């Protein structure tokens, strides 16, 4: 139903009210319109004051006008002054957010909403997604998916401004309207904790449908879509089956034999599937595996830590320690065709990194040496002894995967932004507790300057890479549940050297690799 709300001299018309939801949801709507926080609202219906938990006798009717009283948050305007401000002179709240302001804002917990807050903070790390949301212009906000995408855009804008933590009322309201499972309550009327992975998946589903590139294709497909090629074979009948699909999360299955991320991913890509056999005319077992046929700029990996335990009717947690790396190489999981495309970019990146490493070592050596430098001794080929000594050291670091890639066949053209099959960790969503529907979720994100920041609802804390790598499980501490990796691509500075070294590679006609944001 729709009602009107009179607040002072203002009148808000045709506000949608869902009386199957608690009144706090309606008050959250009023907050987005008026700026009056729910705790300061006095909403009067039929002479009585509306509570937060239940409607009681204050049931609204279609078209009625409701009275609201309360003051909105005031914006303090101070007279300009030339006097310098010192950090110690600032209010305590400003001191706490001064250093972290550049990294966004915290999100207040609105009652077991840490699953949503941590999901949003991790997604905010993806620069390409931020750009797609900034460009979002919905044709109409009457459709639920459009409302949620618009709420995400506004929330990302608020995070961009930084500063004091704020309550994500509007996004929470639209999320619960679109997906009522996130509005589930306990017998005591409190909102229940939810699974962060389910929230992540549902939000990505909506954004996939709403965010479009200039060519009309899904921006989420471009940024997060991972194409798989699956081959299955039935040992009983000899039948073979192949299919292509797009997924948005790579799974890491956890068993007693899995100690590292790459082992769990390999296990998840193996598949047993029952299908109808045209020969046997019944269901038969097909076995096989999937390979990656294309790579996105952002790779999401789910640590499959939860399983449904029927006796307690809960998603129980696998606490096993599974080590994950700061840099994740997916070359071994790729199809031969994709490996061939990755060959030249991988070698270009390695050559560039080796060059930087050599320059750094040389500069350090020159800085530590005192006195006049003797002239370098040249060998028969004209190379200095120092360079000759450095070359074997660099060559000794050659990754066998890169060597295999170079020998795989004619390399693809090398362009700036080309995919290499390598990813660096950009965000971690962790869970602390024994069940997916309880405990606490937080987000750990890597910022543009390389610093790691922990977003624990409305609190922000600086962390180290060592702190992040310790989130591998094995106890009751926070452990990784969702990992977001960002593609390591060929930098512009590496292209001229690669083109000079392999002029024939640039001349070949190859599809343009996807560029990371």
Foldseek 3Di string as FASTA:
>chain_A
DFEWEDEPPDIRGGDDDDQVAFCLLVLLVVCVVAQFHSVFKFKDAPNDTADGQHCPPRDDDPYYYIYIYGDHDDDDDDDDDPDDDDLVNDPPQCNQFVVVQQLFFFEADPFQCQLVRQLLSLVLLAPLVLVLLVPFDDPDPPDLLNQLSVLSNVVSVRRNRGGFHYYSSSNLSSLCVVPVVQSDADPVRGGFHAFSVVVNVVNLVSQQVGGADPVRHGSSCQAQWWKKWWWKAFPVPRDIDIDIDIDREQEFEDDPPAAERVNRSQVSQWDWDWDADPVVRGTGIITTGMATAADHQKYKYFYPFWDQDVVVRFTFGHQHFYFYDQKDFRLVRHDLVVLQALQLFQVLQLVVVLVVVVVVVVVVVVVPDDDDDDDFDADPVRDGPVVVVSVVVSVVPDDVSNVCSNVSDQHAAADAQAFNRMWGWAKFWWFADTGSRDGGIWMWGQDPVGWIWIRRRRHIDTDDPVVVSVQRGDDRDIHGGMTMIGTDGRHRVSNVVSCVVCVVNNVDDDPDHRGHD
